[in-house]
Amino acid sequence: MEPEEHRVSVEILLKELHNPSTANARRHEIDQSLIRFRRRPDAAYSSLYLLEHSSDSSTLLFALGSLEFVVNRKWLSFSPPDRLVLRERLLAFLAALHDSVGAPTFMK
């Protein structure tokens, strides 16, 4: 699946998860799908893609949480060049967001 397809599917899942009419069994399925997303080998880069390309606040919050999950659990297993890329992309995103007018307040 391409990164853009992941972004769209995560946004759809999160909207469905937060919809009050979604059944509990379906919420559990969605939750399991989102957990699988966080545990994928490329979850750090996929989370950064979500941060850089989504404007949905639920998706941004999920992406930040996923990135935090990955960094807390796998940071030492990343190669130094991967760590540098992740750090630089996250800092660039946060710097650009800080100057953004429409950014959610939890991101500033």
N, C-alpha and C. Protein backbone atom coordinates (compact mmCIF):
# COMPACT_ATOMS: atom_id res chain seq x y z
N MET A 1 0.84 -1.17 0.00
CA MET A 1 0.00 0.00 0.00
C MET A 1 0.90 1.25 0.00
N GLU A 2 0.55 2.21 -0.81
CA GLU A 2 1.31 3.46 -0.91
C GLU A 2 1.04 4.36 0.30
N PRO A 3 1.97 5.26 0.61
CA PRO A 3 1.78 6.15 1.77
C PRO A 3 0.47 6.95 1.73
N GLU A 4 0.10 7.41 0.56
CA GLU A 4 -1.13 8.20 0.46
C GLU A 4 -2.36 7.32 0.74
N GLU A 5 -2.31 6.08 0.33
CA GLU A 5 -3.41 5.15 0.62
C GLU A 5 -3.49 4.88 2.12
N HIS A 6 -2.34 4.77 2.78
CA HIS A 6 -2.32 4.60 4.24
C HIS A 6 -2.95 5.82 4.92
N ARG A 7 -2.59 7.01 4.44
CA ARG A 7 -3.13 8.24 5.04
C ARG A 7 -4.64 8.25 4.94
N VAL A 8 -5.15 7.97 3.76
CA VAL A 8 -6.60 7.98 3.55
C VAL A 8 -7.28 6.92 4.42
N SER A 9 -6.71 5.73 4.47
CA SER A 9 -7.35 4.66 5.26
C SER A 9 -7.30 4.98 6.76
N VAL A 10 -6.21 5.56 7.25
CA VAL A 10 -6.13 5.93 8.67
C VAL A 10 -7.16 7.02 8.97
N GLU A 11 -7.29 8.01 8.10
CA GLU A 11 -8.27 9.06 8.33
C GLU A 11 -9.69 8.50 8.36
N ILE A 12 -10.00 7.58 7.45
CA ILE A 12 -11.33 6.97 7.43
C ILE A 12 -11.57 6.16 8.71
N LEU A 13 -10.57 5.37 9.11
CA LEU A 13 -10.72 4.58 10.33
C LEU A 13 -10.92 5.46 11.56
N LEU A 14 -10.17 6.54 11.65
CA LEU A 14 -10.31 7.42 12.82
C LEU A 14 -11.66 8.12 12.84
N LYS A 15 -12.16 8.52 11.68
CA LYS A 15 -13.50 9.14 11.63
C LYS A 15 -14.56 8.13 12.06
N GLU A 16 -14.41 6.91 11.60
CA GLU A 16 -15.36 5.87 11.98
C GLU A 16 -15.24 5.57 13.48
N LEU A 17 -14.04 5.53 14.00
CA LEU A 17 -13.82 5.26 15.42
C LEU A 17 -14.49 6.31 16.29
N HIS A 18 -14.43 7.56 15.89
CA HIS A 18 -14.98 8.66 16.68
C HIS A 18 -16.46 8.94 16.40
N ASN A 19 -17.03 8.20 15.49
CA ASN A 19 -18.45 8.36 15.18
C ASN A 19 -19.27 7.68 16.27
N PRO A 20 -20.20 8.41 16.91
CA PRO A 20 -20.97 7.81 18.01
C PRO A 20 -21.83 6.61 17.60
N SER A 21 -22.15 6.49 16.32
CA SER A 21 -23.00 5.38 15.90
C SER A 21 -22.22 4.10 15.58
N THR A 22 -20.90 4.15 15.69
CA THR A 22 -20.09 2.96 15.41
C THR A 22 -20.25 1.94 16.55
N ALA A 23 -20.53 0.72 16.17
CA ALA A 23 -20.74 -0.35 17.16
C ALA A 23 -19.43 -0.68 17.88
N ASN A 24 -19.57 -1.18 19.09
CA ASN A 24 -18.39 -1.51 19.90
C ASN A 24 -17.51 -2.57 19.24
N ALA A 25 -18.12 -3.55 18.60
CA ALA A 25 -17.33 -4.59 17.93
C ALA A 25 -16.49 -3.97 16.81
N ARG A 26 -17.09 -3.05 16.06
CA ARG A 26 -16.35 -2.38 14.99
C ARG A 26 -15.26 -1.49 15.57
N ARG A 27 -15.53 -0.81 16.67
CA ARG A 27 -14.50 0.02 17.33
C ARG A 27 -13.29 -0.84 17.71
N HIS A 28 -13.57 -2.03 18.20
CA HIS A 28 -12.49 -2.94 18.59
C HIS A 28 -11.66 -3.33 17.35
N GLU A 29 -12.33 -3.62 16.24
CA GLU A 29 -11.62 -3.95 15.00
C GLU A 29 -10.74 -2.78 14.54
N ILE A 30 -11.29 -1.58 14.60
CA ILE A 30 -10.53 -0.39 14.19
C ILE A 30 -9.33 -0.21 15.09
N ASP A 31 -9.54 -0.36 16.38
CA ASP A 31 -8.45 -0.22 17.34
C ASP A 31 -7.34 -1.21 17.04
N GLN A 32 -7.69 -2.44 16.72
CA GLN A 32 -6.69 -3.45 16.39
C GLN A 32 -5.93 -3.07 15.11
N SER A 33 -6.64 -2.53 14.14
CA SER A 33 -5.98 -2.08 12.89
C SER A 33 -4.99 -0.96 13.17
N LEU A 34 -5.37 -0.04 14.03
CA LEU A 34 -4.48 1.08 14.35
C LEU A 34 -3.26 0.61 15.15
N ILE A 35 -3.46 -0.38 16.00
CA ILE A 35 -2.33 -0.96 16.73
C ILE A 35 -1.38 -1.65 15.76
N ARG A 36 -1.92 -2.37 14.79
CA ARG A 36 -1.07 -3.01 13.77
C ARG A 36 -0.28 -1.97 12.99
N PHE A 37 -0.91 -0.83 12.69
CA PHE A 37 -0.21 0.26 12.00
C PHE A 37 1.01 0.69 12.81
N ARG A 38 0.84 0.89 14.10
CA ARG A 38 1.94 1.34 14.96
C ARG A 38 3.07 0.33 15.06
N ARG A 39 2.77 -0.93 14.87
CA ARG A 39 3.78 -1.99 15.03
C ARG A 39 4.45 -2.39 13.73
N ARG A 40 4.06 -1.78 12.63
CA ARG A 40 4.69 -2.09 11.34
C ARG A 40 6.15 -1.65 11.36
N PRO A 41 7.01 -2.31 10.62
CA PRO A 41 8.42 -1.93 10.59
C PRO A 41 8.67 -0.50 10.10
N ASP A 42 7.80 0.00 9.22
CA ASP A 42 7.97 1.36 8.70
C ASP A 42 7.06 2.37 9.39
N ALA A 43 6.62 2.07 10.60
CA ALA A 43 5.66 2.94 11.30
C ALA A 43 6.20 4.35 11.54
N ALA A 44 7.49 4.49 11.78
CA ALA A 44 8.05 5.82 12.03
C ALA A 44 7.91 6.69 10.78
N TYR A 45 8.30 6.15 9.65
CA TYR A 45 8.21 6.92 8.41
C TYR A 45 6.76 7.12 7.98
N SER A 46 5.91 6.13 8.21
CA SER A 46 4.49 6.28 7.89
C SER A 46 3.84 7.35 8.77
N SER A 47 4.23 7.39 10.04
CA SER A 47 3.71 8.41 10.94
C SER A 47 4.17 9.80 10.53
N LEU A 48 5.41 9.92 10.13
CA LEU A 48 5.90 11.21 9.64
C LEU A 48 5.14 11.63 8.38
N TYR A 49 4.85 10.68 7.51
CA TYR A 49 4.08 11.00 6.31
C TYR A 49 2.70 11.53 6.70
N LEU A 50 2.06 10.89 7.67
CA LEU A 50 0.76 11.36 8.13
C LEU A 50 0.86 12.78 8.67
N LEU A 51 1.89 13.05 9.45
CA LEU A 51 2.08 14.40 9.99
C LEU A 51 2.26 15.44 8.88
N GLU A 52 3.03 15.08 7.89
CA GLU A 52 3.37 16.03 6.84
C GLU A 52 2.26 16.22 5.80
N HIS A 53 1.33 15.26 5.69
CA HIS A 53 0.36 15.33 4.60
C HIS A 53 -1.10 15.34 5.03
N SER A 54 -1.39 15.29 6.30
CA SER A 54 -2.77 15.29 6.74
C SER A 54 -3.12 16.63 7.39
N SER A 55 -4.36 17.02 7.25
CA SER A 55 -4.83 18.22 7.93
C SER A 55 -5.90 17.89 8.96
N ASP A 56 -6.20 16.60 9.10
CA ASP A 56 -7.20 16.15 10.06
C ASP A 56 -6.58 16.07 11.46
N SER A 57 -7.19 16.74 12.42
CA SER A 57 -6.59 16.80 13.76
C SER A 57 -6.51 15.42 14.43
N SER A 58 -7.51 14.56 14.21
CA SER A 58 -7.45 13.21 14.79
C SER A 58 -6.28 12.41 14.20
N THR A 59 -6.06 12.58 12.91
CA THR A 59 -4.95 11.88 12.26
C THR A 59 -3.62 12.40 12.76
N LEU A 60 -3.52 13.72 12.93
CA LEU A 60 -2.27 14.30 13.44
C LEU A 60 -1.98 13.80 14.86
N LEU A 61 -3.01 13.76 15.68
CA LEU A 61 -2.82 13.27 17.05
C LEU A 61 -2.42 11.80 17.05
N PHE A 62 -3.07 10.99 16.21
CA PHE A 62 -2.71 9.58 16.09
C PHE A 62 -1.27 9.44 15.60
N ALA A 63 -0.88 10.23 14.61
CA ALA A 63 0.48 10.15 14.06
C ALA A 63 1.51 10.51 15.12
N LEU A 64 1.25 11.53 15.89
CA LEU A 64 2.19 11.90 16.97
C LEU A 64 2.30 10.78 18.00
N GLY A 65 1.17 10.22 18.39
CA GLY A 65 1.18 9.12 19.34
C GLY A 65 1.91 7.90 18.80
N SER A 66 1.71 7.62 17.52
CA SER A 66 2.38 6.49 16.88
C SER A 66 3.88 6.71 16.82
N LEU A 67 4.27 7.92 16.47
CA LEU A 67 5.70 8.24 16.40
C LEU A 67 6.33 8.14 17.79
N GLU A 68 5.63 8.62 18.79
CA GLU A 68 6.14 8.50 20.16
C GLU A 68 6.28 7.03 20.56
N PHE A 69 5.29 6.21 20.21
CA PHE A 69 5.33 4.78 20.51
C PHE A 69 6.56 4.14 19.88
N VAL A 70 6.79 4.43 18.60
CA VAL A 70 7.91 3.83 17.88
C VAL A 70 9.24 4.30 18.47
N VAL A 71 9.36 5.58 18.71
CA VAL A 71 10.62 6.12 19.24
C VAL A 71 10.92 5.54 20.61
N ASN A 72 9.91 5.45 21.46
CA ASN A 72 10.13 4.90 22.80
C ASN A 72 10.53 3.43 22.78
N ARG A 73 10.06 2.68 21.81
CA ARG A 73 10.32 1.25 21.78
C ARG A 73 11.47 0.82 20.87
N LYS A 74 11.72 1.58 19.82
CA LYS A 74 12.66 1.10 18.81
C LYS A 74 13.79 2.06 18.48
N TRP A 75 13.92 3.15 19.19
CA TRP A 75 14.91 4.16 18.82
C TRP A 75 16.32 3.57 18.69
N LEU A 76 16.71 2.75 19.63
CA LEU A 76 18.07 2.20 19.60
C LEU A 76 18.29 1.21 18.45
N SER A 77 17.22 0.68 17.92
CA SER A 77 17.37 -0.25 16.79
C SER A 77 17.49 0.47 15.44
N PHE A 78 17.20 1.78 15.42
CA PHE A 78 17.38 2.55 14.19
C PHE A 78 18.86 2.81 13.95
N SER A 79 19.26 2.81 12.70
CA SER A 79 20.64 3.16 12.38
C SER A 79 20.83 4.66 12.60
N PRO A 80 22.07 5.10 12.85
CA PRO A 80 22.30 6.54 13.04
C PRO A 80 21.78 7.40 11.87
N PRO A 81 21.95 6.98 10.60
CA PRO A 81 21.37 7.80 9.52
C PRO A 81 19.83 7.88 9.59
N ASP A 82 19.19 6.76 9.95
CA ASP A 82 17.73 6.79 10.10
C ASP A 82 17.30 7.70 11.24
N ARG A 83 18.02 7.65 12.34
CA ARG A 83 17.71 8.54 13.46
C ARG A 83 17.82 10.00 13.03
N LEU A 84 18.86 10.30 12.29
CA LEU A 84 19.07 11.67 11.83
C LEU A 84 17.93 12.12 10.91
N VAL A 85 17.54 11.26 9.98
CA VAL A 85 16.45 11.60 9.06
C VAL A 85 15.15 11.82 9.83
N LEU A 86 14.83 10.92 10.75
CA LEU A 86 13.62 11.06 11.55
C LEU A 86 13.63 12.35 12.36
N ARG A 87 14.74 12.61 13.00
CA ARG A 87 14.87 13.82 13.82
C ARG A 87 14.73 15.08 12.96
N GLU A 88 15.41 15.12 11.82
CA GLU A 88 15.36 16.30 10.96
C GLU A 88 13.96 16.53 10.39
N ARG A 89 13.31 15.46 9.95
CA ARG A 89 11.96 15.63 9.39
C ARG A 89 10.96 16.07 10.44
N LEU A 90 11.07 15.53 11.64
CA LEU A 90 10.16 15.92 12.71
C LEU A 90 10.40 17.38 13.11
N LEU A 91 11.64 17.76 13.26
CA LEU A 91 11.94 19.15 13.61
C LEU A 91 11.51 20.13 12.53
N ALA A 92 11.70 19.76 11.27
CA ALA A 92 11.26 20.62 10.17
C ALA A 92 9.73 20.76 10.18
N PHE A 93 9.05 19.65 10.43
CA PHE A 93 7.59 19.70 10.51
C PHE A 93 7.14 20.61 11.64
N LEU A 94 7.73 20.45 12.81
CA LEU A 94 7.34 21.25 13.97
C LEU A 94 7.66 22.73 13.77
N ALA A 95 8.79 23.02 13.15
CA ALA A 95 9.15 24.42 12.88
C ALA A 95 8.16 25.05 11.92
N ALA A 96 7.79 24.34 10.87
CA ALA A 96 6.82 24.86 9.91
C ALA A 96 5.45 25.01 10.56
N LEU A 97 5.11 24.10 11.41
CA LEU A 97 3.81 24.13 12.08
C LEU A 97 3.71 25.29 13.06
N HIS A 98 4.80 25.59 13.70
CA HIS A 98 4.80 26.67 14.69
C HIS A 98 4.37 28.00 14.07
N ASP A 99 4.75 28.22 12.84
CA ASP A 99 4.41 29.47 12.14
C ASP A 99 3.06 29.39 11.44
N SER A 100 2.45 28.21 11.43
CA SER A 100 1.19 28.01 10.71
C SER A 100 0.03 28.57 11.51
N VAL A 101 -0.90 29.24 10.80
CA VAL A 101 -2.06 29.84 11.45
C VAL A 101 -3.12 28.80 11.76
N GLY A 102 -3.35 27.84 10.87
CA GLY A 102 -4.44 26.89 11.03
C GLY A 102 -4.11 25.63 11.78
N ALA A 103 -2.95 25.56 12.40
CA ALA A 103 -2.54 24.33 13.08
C ALA A 103 -3.35 24.13 14.36
N PRO A 104 -3.68 22.88 14.68
CA PRO A 104 -4.40 22.61 15.93
C PRO A 104 -3.57 23.06 17.13
N THR A 105 -4.25 23.53 18.17
CA THR A 105 -3.51 24.05 19.32
C THR A 105 -2.66 23.00 20.02
N PHE A 106 -3.06 21.72 19.97
CA PHE A 106 -2.26 20.69 20.63
C PHE A 106 -0.93 20.47 19.92
N MET A 107 -0.79 21.00 18.69
CA MET A 107 0.43 20.82 17.92
C MET A 107 1.41 21.98 18.10
N LYS A 108 0.98 23.06 18.70
CA LYS A 108 1.85 24.24 18.80
C LYS A 108 2.66 24.23 20.07
